[in-house]
Structure formats: C-alpha cells, structure tokens
Protein backbone atom coordinates (compact mmCIF):
# COMPACT_ATOMS: atom_id res chain seq x y z
CA MET A 1 88.77 -16.30 -73.02
CA HIS A 2 89.97 -12.81 -72.59
CA PRO A 3 89.82 -11.73 -68.95
CA SER A 4 87.84 -8.62 -69.71
CA ARG A 5 85.21 -10.70 -71.43
CA VAL A 6 84.78 -12.86 -68.36
CA GLN A 7 84.24 -9.82 -66.19
CA ARG A 8 81.51 -8.44 -68.45
CA LEU A 9 79.69 -11.75 -68.26
CA VAL A 10 79.77 -11.80 -64.51
CA PHE A 11 78.65 -8.17 -64.12
CA HIS A 12 75.92 -8.28 -66.68
CA GLY A 13 74.78 -11.84 -66.35
CA SER A 14 71.46 -13.09 -64.86
CA SER A 15 70.93 -15.33 -61.82
CA ALA A 16 70.87 -18.32 -64.09
CA THR A 17 74.14 -17.19 -65.57
CA LEU A 18 75.56 -16.76 -62.13
CA ALA A 19 74.36 -20.17 -61.12
CA PHE A 20 75.87 -21.61 -64.30
CA MET A 21 79.11 -19.83 -63.64
CA CYS A 22 79.08 -21.09 -60.10
CA ALA A 23 78.61 -24.58 -61.33
CA LEU A 24 81.44 -24.13 -63.83
CA MET A 25 83.73 -22.70 -61.22
CA VAL A 26 83.00 -24.84 -58.17
CA GLY A 27 80.88 -27.64 -59.62
CA ALA A 28 77.94 -26.97 -57.30
CA CYS A 29 77.11 -24.16 -54.85
CA GLY A 30 75.23 -26.47 -52.43
CA ALA A 31 72.43 -25.45 -49.98
CA VAL A 32 72.32 -21.88 -48.73
CA THR A 33 71.44 -21.24 -45.06
CA CYS A 34 69.41 -17.99 -44.66
CA PRO A 35 68.76 -16.13 -41.39
CA GLU A 36 65.16 -15.47 -40.31
CA PRO A 37 62.91 -14.18 -41.82
CA LEU A 38 64.68 -14.81 -45.22
CA SER A 39 64.20 -17.98 -47.26
CA ASP A 40 66.43 -19.83 -49.76
CA VAL A 41 65.08 -19.16 -53.27
CA ASP A 42 67.24 -20.90 -55.90
CA GLY A 43 70.28 -20.47 -53.80
CA THR A 44 69.62 -16.89 -52.79
CA CYS A 45 68.12 -15.49 -49.55
CA GLN A 46 64.88 -13.60 -50.16
CA GLU A 47 61.95 -12.38 -47.99
CA LEU A 48 58.69 -13.99 -49.09
CA GLY A 49 55.33 -12.05 -48.72
CA PRO A 50 51.78 -13.42 -48.59
CA VAL A 51 50.44 -14.96 -51.74
CA VAL A 52 47.86 -12.67 -53.37
CA THR A 53 45.46 -14.05 -55.92
CA ASP A 54 42.64 -12.47 -57.87
CA GLN A 55 40.07 -15.12 -56.72
CA PRO A 56 38.63 -15.19 -53.16
CA ASP A 57 39.01 -18.31 -51.09
CA ALA A 58 35.63 -20.00 -51.18
CA SER A 59 36.30 -21.70 -47.80
CA VAL A 60 36.47 -18.35 -45.97
CA GLU A 61 33.15 -16.72 -44.87
CA PRO A 62 32.98 -13.03 -45.77
CA ASP A 63 32.87 -10.64 -42.78
CA ALA A 64 29.24 -9.59 -42.40
CA ARG A 65 30.31 -6.36 -40.81
CA LEU A 66 32.22 -5.50 -43.98
CA GLU A 67 29.34 -6.48 -46.15
CA PRO A 68 26.22 -4.38 -45.09
CA ASP A 69 22.82 -5.96 -45.70
CA ALA A 70 21.12 -3.72 -48.19
CA SER A 71 17.69 -5.22 -47.24
CA VAL A 72 17.73 -3.67 -43.65
CA ALA A 73 17.03 0.07 -43.48
CA PRO A 74 19.15 2.06 -40.97
CA GLU A 75 17.33 3.12 -37.75
CA PRO A 76 16.38 6.80 -37.62
CA PRO A 77 18.00 8.91 -34.87
CA ILE A 78 16.06 9.14 -31.56
CA GLU A 79 15.17 12.45 -29.96
CA ARG A 80 16.60 12.87 -26.47
CA CYS A 81 15.69 15.36 -23.75
CA ASP A 82 18.96 17.27 -23.78
CA GLY A 83 18.37 20.62 -25.46
CA ALA A 84 19.52 19.38 -28.92
CA ASP A 85 17.76 18.40 -32.17
CA ASN A 86 18.77 14.75 -32.13
CA ASP A 87 16.42 13.54 -34.90
CA GLY A 88 17.17 16.35 -37.34
CA ASP A 89 13.62 17.63 -37.69
CA THR A 90 14.58 21.18 -36.68
CA GLU A 91 12.66 20.81 -33.38
CA VAL A 92 14.31 20.50 -29.99
CA ASP A 93 12.95 18.18 -27.25
CA GLU A 94 9.56 18.19 -28.97
CA ASP A 95 8.51 14.94 -27.23
CA TRP A 96 8.27 16.69 -23.86
CA PRO A 97 5.93 19.65 -24.19
CA GLU A 98 5.73 19.95 -20.36
CA LEU A 99 9.34 21.12 -20.16
CA GLY A 100 9.54 24.30 -18.11
CA GLU A 101 5.98 23.98 -16.88
CA PRO A 102 5.27 24.11 -13.09
CA CYS A 103 4.96 20.87 -11.15
CA GLY A 104 4.07 19.92 -7.58
CA GLU A 105 1.70 21.75 -5.25
CA GLY A 106 1.72 25.29 -4.00
CA VAL A 107 -0.56 24.62 -1.02
CA GLY A 108 0.40 24.81 2.64
CA GLU A 109 4.05 23.96 3.18
CA CYS A 110 4.37 22.50 -0.34
CA VAL A 111 6.36 24.49 -2.97
CA GLU A 112 5.99 24.29 -6.77
CA GLY A 113 8.93 23.29 -8.99
CA ALA A 114 9.41 22.97 -12.78
CA TYR A 115 9.81 20.06 -15.20
CA MET A 116 13.41 19.63 -16.38
CA CYS A 117 15.23 17.01 -18.49
CA SER A 118 16.43 14.01 -16.55
CA GLU A 119 20.14 13.29 -16.40
CA ASP A 120 19.87 10.28 -18.72
CA GLY A 121 17.86 12.25 -21.30
CA THR A 122 15.02 9.75 -21.42
CA GLY A 123 12.35 11.98 -19.88
CA VAL A 124 11.57 14.80 -17.52
CA VAL A 125 11.71 15.20 -13.74
CA CYS A 126 10.15 17.74 -11.36
CA GLU A 127 12.92 19.86 -9.88
CA GLY A 128 12.73 22.39 -7.06
CA ALA A 129 9.39 21.18 -5.68
CA VAL A 130 8.78 20.55 -1.95
CA GLY A 131 6.17 17.82 -1.45
CA PRO A 132 3.81 17.01 1.43
CA SER A 133 5.00 15.48 4.70
CA ASP A 134 3.27 13.91 7.67
CA GLU A 135 1.08 16.34 9.53
CA VAL A 136 2.47 17.49 12.87
CA CYS A 137 0.91 19.79 15.42
CA ASP A 138 2.76 23.01 14.56
CA GLY A 139 0.07 25.30 13.13
CA LYS A 140 1.16 24.47 9.55
CA ASP A 141 -0.42 22.52 6.71
CA ASN A 142 2.35 19.92 6.42
CA ASP A 143 0.36 17.44 4.31
CA CYS A 144 -0.80 20.21 1.96
CA ASP A 145 -4.47 19.34 2.02
CA GLY A 146 -5.52 22.92 2.69
CA THR A 147 -6.10 22.54 6.45
CA PRO A 148 -3.38 23.04 9.08
CA ASP A 149 -3.01 20.58 11.96
CA ASN A 150 -5.53 17.98 10.78
CA GLY A 151 -3.29 15.07 11.54
CA PRO A 152 -3.72 11.40 10.74
CA LYS A 153 -5.95 9.01 12.63
CA GLU A 154 -5.36 9.03 16.39
CA THR A 155 -3.32 6.10 17.64
CA CYS A 156 -2.77 4.97 21.21
CA ASP A 157 0.72 6.35 21.93
CA ASN A 158 0.15 9.16 24.47
CA LYS A 159 0.46 11.73 21.64
CA ASP A 160 -1.96 14.05 19.91
CA ASN A 161 -1.63 12.45 16.46
CA ASP A 162 -4.59 14.21 14.83
CA CYS A 163 -3.74 17.63 16.27
CA ASP A 164 -7.14 18.23 17.84
CA GLY A 165 -5.75 19.04 21.28
CA LEU A 166 -6.73 15.63 22.72
CA ILE A 167 -4.50 12.67 23.48
CA ASP A 168 -5.49 9.09 22.55
CA GLU A 169 -9.17 9.99 22.23
CA GLY A 170 -11.22 7.01 21.13
CA ALA A 171 -8.08 4.88 20.88
CA LEU A 172 -7.74 3.45 24.40
CA SER A 173 -8.24 -0.30 24.49
CA VAL A 174 -9.89 -2.37 27.23
CA LYS A 175 -9.04 -5.61 29.03
CA GLN A 176 -11.36 -7.20 31.56
CA GLU A 177 -11.50 -10.11 33.97
CA SER A 178 -13.82 -11.20 36.78
CA PHE A 179 -13.42 -12.57 40.29
CA ALA A 180 -15.75 -14.71 42.34
CA ASP A 181 -15.46 -12.58 45.47
CA HIS A 182 -14.64 -9.12 46.81
CA ALA A 183 -11.69 -7.23 45.31
CA SER A 184 -10.09 -3.79 45.31
CA VAL A 185 -7.35 -2.11 43.25
CA ALA A 186 -4.67 0.48 44.08
CA ALA A 187 -2.02 2.13 41.92
CA VAL A 188 1.71 1.68 42.60
CA ASP A 189 4.76 2.85 40.66
CA GLY A 190 4.83 0.87 37.41
CA GLY A 191 1.61 -1.06 37.98
CA PHE A 192 -1.26 -2.01 40.24
CA LEU A 193 -1.94 -4.03 43.37
CA VAL A 194 -5.18 -6.02 43.43
CA THR A 195 -6.38 -7.16 46.84
CA ARG A 196 -9.05 -9.87 46.81
CA ILE A 197 -10.59 -12.71 48.73
CA VAL A 198 -9.68 -16.18 47.45
CA SER A 199 -11.70 -18.77 49.38
CA ASP A 200 -10.71 -18.10 53.00
CA ARG A 201 -7.50 -16.23 52.09
CA LEU A 202 -6.68 -12.57 51.52
CA ARG A 203 -4.47 -12.35 48.43
CA VAL A 204 -2.46 -9.39 47.15
CA GLU A 205 -1.12 -9.67 43.60
CA THR A 206 0.35 -7.24 41.07
CA TYR A 207 -0.33 -6.29 37.47
CA ASP A 208 1.84 -4.22 35.15
CA THR A 209 0.55 -1.20 33.23
CA GLN A 210 -0.12 -3.39 30.19
CA ALA A 211 -2.82 -5.15 32.24
CA ASN A 212 -0.75 -8.34 32.61
CA ARG A 213 -0.50 -10.33 35.82
CA THR A 214 3.06 -10.44 37.03
CA GLY A 215 2.53 -13.79 38.77
CA LEU A 216 3.83 -12.25 42.01
CA TYR A 217 1.57 -12.41 45.06
CA ASP A 218 1.36 -12.84 48.84
CA ASP A 219 -1.56 -14.01 50.95
CA MET A 220 -2.74 -14.49 54.50
CA GLY A 221 -5.72 -15.87 56.36
CA SER A 222 -8.78 -13.66 55.94
CA PRO A 223 -11.12 -12.60 58.74
CA ALA A 224 -14.46 -14.37 58.45
CA GLU A 225 -16.43 -11.14 58.29
CA THR A 226 -15.99 -9.60 54.84
CA LYS A 227 -18.68 -7.37 53.41
CA PHE A 228 -16.52 -4.79 51.72
CA LEU A 229 -12.90 -4.38 50.69
CA GLY A 230 -11.19 -1.08 49.83
CA SER A 231 -7.60 0.09 49.38
CA ASP A 232 -5.43 3.15 48.91
CA SER A 233 -1.76 3.71 48.11
CA SER A 234 1.11 6.13 48.46
CA GLY A 235 4.12 5.26 46.32
CA GLN A 236 4.82 1.58 46.88
CA ARG A 237 2.85 1.33 50.14
CA VAL A 238 -0.72 0.04 49.99
CA LEU A 239 -3.28 -0.10 52.78
CA ALA A 240 -6.28 -2.42 52.38
CA ALA A 241 -9.35 -2.28 54.61
CA LEU A 242 -11.92 -5.06 54.88
CA GLY A 243 -14.72 -6.02 57.18
CA GLN A 244 -18.43 -6.36 57.86
CA TYR A 245 -19.20 -6.06 61.57
CA SER A 246 -15.59 -5.42 62.52
CA PHE A 247 -12.76 -3.94 60.46
CA HIS A 248 -9.14 -4.74 59.75
CA VAL A 249 -6.40 -2.86 57.90
CA VAL A 250 -3.59 -4.70 56.11
CA GLU A 251 -0.34 -3.00 55.11
CA VAL A 252 1.43 -4.15 51.92
CA HIS A 253 4.71 -3.02 50.40
CA VAL A 254 5.42 -3.52 46.68
CA ASP A 255 9.06 -3.54 45.57
CA SER A 256 10.50 -2.19 42.31
CA ASP A 257 9.93 -5.57 40.64
CA LEU A 258 6.22 -5.41 41.60
CA ALA A 259 6.61 -8.15 44.20
CA PRO A 260 4.06 -7.57 47.02
CA ILE A 261 4.78 -8.37 50.67
CA ILE A 262 2.20 -8.26 53.47
CA ILE A 263 3.90 -6.35 56.30
CA ASP A 264 1.29 -6.05 59.05
CA THR A 265 -2.39 -6.27 59.92
CA GLN A 266 -4.42 -4.54 62.62
CA GLU A 267 -8.00 -4.84 63.84
CA LEU A 268 -9.69 -1.53 64.58
CA HIS A 269 -10.98 -0.42 67.98
CA ALA A 270 -14.24 -2.00 69.11
CA ASP A 271 -16.06 1.31 68.62
CA TRP A 272 -15.98 0.56 64.90
CA ARG A 273 -18.00 -2.62 65.32
CA GLN A 274 -21.29 -2.48 63.44
CA GLY A 275 -24.67 -3.90 64.34
CA GLU A 276 -26.01 -6.48 61.95
CA THR A 277 -28.75 -4.25 60.57
CA LEU A 278 -27.04 -0.86 60.57
CA GLY A 279 -25.76 -1.17 57.03
CA VAL A 280 -23.13 1.51 57.31
CA TYR A 281 -20.62 -0.79 55.66
CA ASP A 282 -22.64 -0.60 52.43
CA PRO A 283 -21.67 2.02 49.85
CA PRO A 284 -21.75 4.91 49.77
CA TYR A 285 -21.43 4.81 53.54
CA HIS A 286 -18.65 2.27 54.08
CA PRO A 287 -15.37 3.52 55.61
CA ARG A 288 -12.34 4.64 53.61
CA VAL A 289 -8.74 3.79 54.34
CA LEU A 290 -6.29 6.53 53.31
CA ALA A 291 -2.56 6.06 52.79
CA ALA A 292 -1.33 9.69 52.83
CA PRO A 293 -1.88 10.74 55.50
CA SER A 294 -2.62 7.37 57.07
CA ARG A 295 -6.24 7.38 58.24
CA PHE A 296 -9.34 5.29 58.62
CA VAL A 297 -12.48 7.44 58.27
CA GLY A 298 -16.21 6.84 58.16
CA TYR A 299 -19.34 6.33 60.25
CA ARG A 300 -18.70 4.24 63.32
CA ASP A 301 -22.52 4.13 63.67
CA LEU A 302 -25.48 5.78 61.99
CA ILE A 303 -24.83 9.08 63.75
CA THR A 304 -21.15 9.60 64.38
CA PHE A 305 -18.52 10.35 61.74
CA ALA A 306 -15.05 9.53 63.08
CA LEU A 307 -11.44 8.88 62.11
CA ASN A 308 -8.43 7.02 63.37
CA PRO A 309 -5.10 8.64 62.39
CA PHE A 310 -1.99 6.48 62.52
CA THR A 311 1.64 6.87 61.59
CA GLY A 312 3.10 5.82 58.29
CA GLY A 313 5.16 3.02 59.75
CA ASP A 314 2.81 1.69 62.42
CA LEU A 315 -0.81 0.51 62.39
CA ALA A 316 -1.12 0.72 66.20
CA GLY A 317 -3.12 3.92 66.06
CA LEU A 318 -6.02 1.96 64.56
CA ALA A 319 -6.48 0.17 67.87
CA GLN A 320 -7.04 3.48 69.70
CA GLU A 321 -10.48 4.92 70.33
CA PRO A 322 -11.61 6.82 67.19
CA THR A 323 -11.75 10.62 67.10
CA VAL A 324 -15.19 12.09 66.42
CA ALA A 325 -15.72 14.75 63.71
CA MET A 326 -18.86 16.37 65.09
CA GLU A 327 -19.43 18.89 62.27
CA ILE A 328 -20.10 16.22 59.63
CA PRO A 329 -23.83 15.36 59.83
CA LEU A 330 -25.24 11.93 60.51
CA TYR A 331 -25.43 9.20 57.91
CA ALA A 332 -24.43 11.34 54.91
CA ALA A 333 -23.02 10.17 51.62
CA PHE A 334 -19.33 11.14 51.69
CA ASP A 335 -15.94 10.59 50.13
CA ALA A 336 -12.43 11.33 51.36
CA ASP A 337 -8.96 11.53 49.88
CA GLY A 338 -5.80 12.72 51.59
CA LEU A 339 -6.68 15.56 53.94
CA TYR A 340 -9.97 16.33 52.20
CA VAL A 341 -13.44 15.14 53.03
CA MET A 342 -16.65 16.01 51.16
CA TRP A 343 -20.16 15.07 52.07
CA GLU A 344 -23.79 15.53 51.13
CA GLN A 345 -25.68 17.99 53.35
CA GLY A 346 -29.22 18.89 52.34
CA ASP A 347 -29.18 19.85 48.67
CA LYS A 348 -25.49 20.78 48.72
CA VAL A 349 -22.08 19.19 48.61
CA ARG A 350 -19.83 20.57 51.31
CA GLY A 351 -16.11 20.10 51.76
CA ALA A 352 -13.30 20.76 54.22
CA LEU A 353 -9.85 19.81 55.36
CA LEU A 354 -10.25 17.15 58.08
CA GLN A 355 -7.69 17.52 60.84
CA ASN A 356 -6.50 14.66 63.04
CA ASP A 357 -8.34 16.08 66.04
CA GLY A 358 -11.66 15.86 64.17
CA ASN A 359 -11.99 19.58 63.49
CA LEU A 360 -12.74 20.91 60.01
CA LEU A 361 -10.70 23.61 58.32
CA LEU A 362 -11.90 25.78 55.39
CA GLU A 363 -15.36 24.21 55.49
CA THR A 364 -17.41 25.53 52.58
CA ASP A 365 -20.15 24.77 50.07
CA ILE A 366 -18.70 23.08 47.00
CA ALA A 367 -21.75 22.93 44.75
CA ARG A 368 -25.46 22.35 44.72
CA GLY A 369 -25.88 18.60 44.42
CA ASP A 370 -25.39 15.27 46.13
CA THR A 371 -23.41 11.99 46.21
CA PRO A 372 -19.85 13.36 46.02
CA GLY A 373 -16.73 11.55 44.90
CA ILE A 374 -13.24 13.05 44.99
CA ASP A 375 -9.68 12.54 43.81
CA ILE A 376 -6.54 14.61 44.31
CA ARG A 377 -4.72 16.24 41.41
CA PRO A 378 -1.86 18.79 41.50
CA GLY A 379 -3.31 22.00 42.90
CA GLY A 380 -6.20 20.51 44.82
CA PRO A 381 -9.08 18.04 44.66
CA GLY A 382 -11.51 17.29 41.89
CA VAL A 383 -15.08 16.58 42.95
CA LEU A 384 -17.76 14.59 41.15
CA TYR A 385 -21.45 15.01 42.05
CA VAL A 386 -25.00 14.86 40.71
CA GLN A 387 -26.90 18.07 40.05
CA ASP A 388 -30.30 18.37 38.34
CA GLY A 389 -30.08 14.80 37.14
CA LYS A 390 -26.67 15.29 35.48
CA LEU A 391 -23.22 14.09 36.48
CA ARG A 392 -20.89 17.06 36.94
CA LEU A 393 -17.21 17.70 37.66
CA SER A 394 -15.37 20.63 39.28
CA GLU A 395 -11.68 21.25 39.95
CA LEU A 396 -11.05 23.03 43.24
CA GLY A 397 -8.17 25.03 44.62
CA GLY A 398 -6.43 23.26 47.48
CA LEU A 399 -6.61 26.19 49.91
CA THR A 400 -9.96 27.65 48.91
CA LEU A 401 -12.04 24.64 47.83
CA LEU A 402 -13.50 26.94 45.18
CA CYS A 403 -13.43 26.36 41.42
CA MET A 404 -9.94 26.92 40.08
CA ASP A 405 -9.30 29.67 37.56
CA ARG A 406 -9.24 28.05 34.07
CA GLY A 407 -10.26 24.73 35.60
CA PHE A 408 -13.46 22.74 35.27
CA CYS A 409 -16.35 24.26 37.15
CA ASN A 410 -19.68 22.47 37.25
CA GLU A 411 -18.87 20.77 33.92
CA THR A 412 -21.47 18.28 32.68
CA ILE A 413 -20.01 14.82 32.10
CA LEU A 414 -23.20 12.80 31.63
CA GLU A 415 -26.50 14.35 30.60
CA ARG A 416 -28.50 11.70 32.43
CA ASN A 417 -28.71 10.83 36.09
CA PRO A 418 -26.20 8.04 36.75
CA THR A 419 -27.16 5.04 38.81
CA GLY A 420 -24.84 3.36 41.28
CA PRO A 421 -21.72 4.44 43.13
CA MET A 422 -19.19 6.83 41.62
CA ALA A 423 -15.44 7.30 41.59
CA LEU A 424 -12.87 9.30 39.67
CA ALA A 425 -9.10 9.39 39.12
CA TYR A 426 -6.81 11.94 37.49
CA ASP A 427 -3.94 11.19 35.08
CA GLU A 428 -1.49 14.09 35.15
CA GLY A 429 0.48 12.90 32.09
CA SER A 430 -2.47 13.28 29.73
CA ASP A 431 -4.43 15.82 31.82
CA THR A 432 -7.34 13.38 31.79
CA TRP A 433 -10.03 12.37 34.27
CA PHE A 434 -11.36 8.81 34.41
CA VAL A 435 -14.92 8.99 35.73
CA VAL A 436 -16.93 5.94 36.77
CA ALA A 437 -20.64 6.07 37.55
CA GLY A 438 -22.13 2.64 38.16
CA THR A 439 -21.60 0.77 34.88
CA GLU A 440 -20.49 3.78 32.85
CA LEU A 441 -16.93 4.97 32.28
CA ALA A 442 -16.12 8.37 30.77
CA VAL A 443 -12.64 9.56 29.84
CA VAL A 444 -12.72 13.35 30.20
CA ALA A 445 -10.20 15.75 28.64
CA ARG A 446 -9.79 19.50 28.56
CA GLY A 447 -11.06 21.20 25.41
CA GLY A 448 -11.17 24.80 24.31
CA LEU A 449 -14.73 25.21 25.57
CA GLY A 450 -14.52 23.00 28.66
CA ALA A 451 -14.71 19.31 29.44
CA ILE A 452 -14.79 16.87 26.51
CA VAL A 453 -15.68 13.20 26.85
CA LYS A 454 -13.05 11.73 24.55
CA GLN A 455 -14.07 8.11 25.11
CA ALA A 456 -16.94 6.31 26.84
CA GLU A 457 -17.46 2.65 27.72
CA VAL A 458 -20.18 0.57 29.32
CA LEU A 459 -18.71 -1.69 32.02
CA ASP A 460 -21.13 -4.61 32.03
CA SER A 461 -18.93 -7.52 33.13
CA LEU A 462 -21.01 -8.01 36.30
CA SER A 463 -24.38 -9.70 36.06
CA ASN A 464 -25.61 -7.45 38.88
CA SER A 465 -25.16 -3.71 39.26
CA PRO A 466 -22.10 -2.75 41.32
CA ASN A 467 -22.52 -1.26 44.76
CA ARG A 468 -18.88 -0.14 45.00
CA VAL A 469 -16.40 1.10 42.37
CA ASP A 470 -12.72 2.07 42.49
CA VAL A 471 -10.69 3.75 39.76
CA VAL A 472 -6.94 4.46 39.86
CA VAL A 473 -4.27 5.42 37.31
CA SER A 474 -0.65 4.30 36.87
CA ASP A 475 1.55 5.51 33.99
CA GLY A 476 -1.43 6.49 31.87
CA THR A 477 -3.36 3.23 32.34
CA ALA A 478 -6.57 3.21 34.36
CA ALA A 479 -7.77 0.28 36.45
CA ILE A 480 -11.43 0.10 37.46
CA MET A 481 -12.80 -2.34 40.04
CA GLN A 482 -16.54 -2.91 40.34
CA ALA A 483 -17.87 -4.97 43.24
CA ALA A 484 -21.37 -6.39 43.47
CA LYS A 485 -23.28 -6.62 46.73
CA HIS A 486 -22.98 -10.38 46.89
CA GLY A 487 -19.26 -10.53 46.39
CA LYS A 488 -18.45 -10.82 42.69
CA SER A 489 -16.00 -8.29 41.26
CA ALA A 490 -14.91 -7.18 37.81
CA LEU A 491 -11.55 -5.60 36.94
CA THR A 492 -11.27 -3.43 33.84
CA PHE A 493 -8.06 -1.92 32.45
CA MET A 494 -8.09 0.92 29.94
CA GLY A 495 -4.92 2.10 28.23
CA CYS A 496 -2.55 1.59 25.31
CA PHE A 497 -2.01 -2.16 24.95
C-alpha cells in the first residue's frame, strides 16, 4: 500500500478502524488502565455520567413536597397586631378595635395607659398604666378605691394597718390560765415575773412576752399567814409583798435570760401587824409595795396611813418603825405608784407627792369621784376613778397633778358603774392604756376626739368575782392577774401571739 494511503486511513478512520489497525499492527492492544474517574470503554478512557431514561423508577417513592396535593386548599394569611395588612383585606389590625383606647384606672394614685400591640403580635397590652398598690398610711389613695388611707384589715403587728390612727385595734389575742392560790404579776425587761403560793412554798417564775412559761423559777418557804400577795418592779428587780396579820417583802432579781433568783426577804415592823377583824389587808385597802423608790405604804391600822422607805439594795428599812402620813384620812380607798399617792376623800379624788418623811407635796384635788387607781407614764401619772356611775380616766402633769394639755381629761371609759377593784397600765410603744375594772378589760387608745376603746374583753376565768387585780405591760403585751378572796387566781395575757 502506498504510504500516503495508510496515513489517510489512520487520520480519517473510526474507533473500530483504529482497533482493527491496532490488531493488525500489534495483534492485540490488551487492557487499558484508566485513572479515576475515567473508565475503560472499548479500550479507551472515558468519563461515564448517570444513566437517564424516559421512564421513572417504579421502586422510588415520589417526593411529596415536590408533588403538591391539589385536594388541600392553602391556608389564608393570618392578621397580626403589627400595623400591617397581613390578610390582604385592606384593613390594618382590624381584630383589635381597642387599639389606642385608654386602659387602667385614673383614680387615686393609679394612672391610665393605652392599649398597644404586644411584641409577639398576637394581641394587645396596656402600656403606660400605673395600677393599684397596697394601701399605706400616707394620705394617698394607693389602692385606688376612691378613699385615701383606708388600709386593709388590721393585723396584730404593732402597726396601723388600716390607717385609722389606731394600732392593733380588735386584733389582740388572749391567753389565760388559773392557779389554785394567791398570785401576782410584775413586768420585767423581755417578760413577766409571776409570784404565787404553791402549797406551802412561795414560787417566782417567768414568762416571755408571748405568754409562754420559760420553765425558770425559784422558790422558798412561805409564811403561814397569806391573805394577799402583791408585787412591783423596776427594771429586772421585783419586790413581792405578802401577808395577812403580819407582812413580808421578798426581793427577786431576774437576769437577761429571764431566770429569777430570790435575793432576800424581810418581815416588816410589828406596827404593821393587823388584828384579825380589822380587814385592812382586803382590797382596796391592802398595802402596796413599790420598787422605785423602794417603799411599803398603806394603813397600819384603820386610822393611820404610813410608809416604810428603804434603800434599793437593802430591805432593812422595812424593819424600822413606819413613818406616819398624817394628812391622808383614815381608812380611805387609795392607790400609789412611785412617788405618787391618790386617795378618796369625801366625794373627791385627791393626790400628792408622798415624801419619805410622811409629808405631802403638791396636794390637790384630782377629780370629783372615788376609788382611784394610778399608773405612771412619761410626763406624769394617769388616774382611773368612778364618777357619776361611769369609769373615767385622766392624764396628769407630773409637777401639777392637773390634766395635761392635749391629754385625757375626765374621759369616759365605761358608761356603767364597774364592780370590783380596778387597775391600769400604760404601754408607751402603742400609746395605749390597759384598764381593768373587776372582770372587764378595756384597751384604750388616743383618737381625734379623745379616748377610744379599741378592744374590750370580759375576764371571767374565776368562778368568783376578784377582790384584787393587777395589770402590767412588757414589750406591748399586757398581763392581768385577778385574785379571788379565797385564794384562786387567774392570769390573762393580751398581745400579738
């Protein structure tokens, strides 16, 4: 063959021709090794693509997302509260017609706001409004009910919750217990000391201001003659007096843990001895023991009013002959506290400062009435008495023994004539008087127009009427002791417990 003819065949020939020529020339080309991703196709390296056919593979499920279901209608757009026409009806936020309208209250301290779209666009919220708050005593209508300072119900917390100017009115609770024999109560810091007869022993034991017994006590042998028992305190020092025909005074100290310790006892001078039928040891004529200043005062017989002063750290002065106070009339109902003594004289209550030498200072008429009872408050004494069949209370100046300016003066506490002995005690923290008249207890506060009885109780724990009562206050809690003539006693606590 002519060489040029061979060349034309090679240049213009097909793959088959080339394969034939290869076979002619070398006999066989053999297997061809192709690099990835090429494949050997009839001895040549070619890249193979996916096989595409006109028929779908029946084994493959069609993609439902690519094939919409014509039987389900598309959901319409939802209107949102966002200032746009989301549902395409040419109206904006039409589902919330209150948008822009006022909300809240415009009463008292409350301020109106306006309805605005919420952040998530699902509704409206009230923005800019100031709502009601708990009522406080500030002259404002905090709870927005139209009335300033009409607080919530009063609770026992030493606060004026209902903003009526009174503290704990009607909310004080009561605890009571009874004793089989004579008892008396005195206030100490953080609690009370109860002195009582237990069989043939004199026992002193303490209570906290929640009316709980501390379990701390001391006792000693009791004199056989016991017709009355009274006590008084100054700080943590308590003096208890007891007797019938003769009298003794017992000194007790109470420590900061309310543990009582009997320190000393002293029998009084023989001039204080009573005859069996004199009866001056019966209330309201029985003696009083006073802790500050230390004194024993009363009628040493039916005629003579006397006192025995003694020093704060020594009971020896009780054994001395008593000093006579000649200006106080015979056998008169009286009461004493600190330096003050008040007594019934004719149709009047008179009062004075009783000096250690028996002389009276600033003696004056206190009020028209009888049966006085007194207690000391800052500024002077308060005096309780009966006038025209009513129980009345006055607050006196310490140096004048006249009604104090802006204080109680002849204020009526009970409209009826009380029966039985009387006593009163003042609580400075709440500016409150606790008044006891026989079986009745009145808690008296200061109102805009005078005295207000903010709580009243009937003290009926005794089967018989009391012939002696004590009332004292410690940290806002009052303790009342009632003693019957034949020995039984009842202790009542009133406070926040």
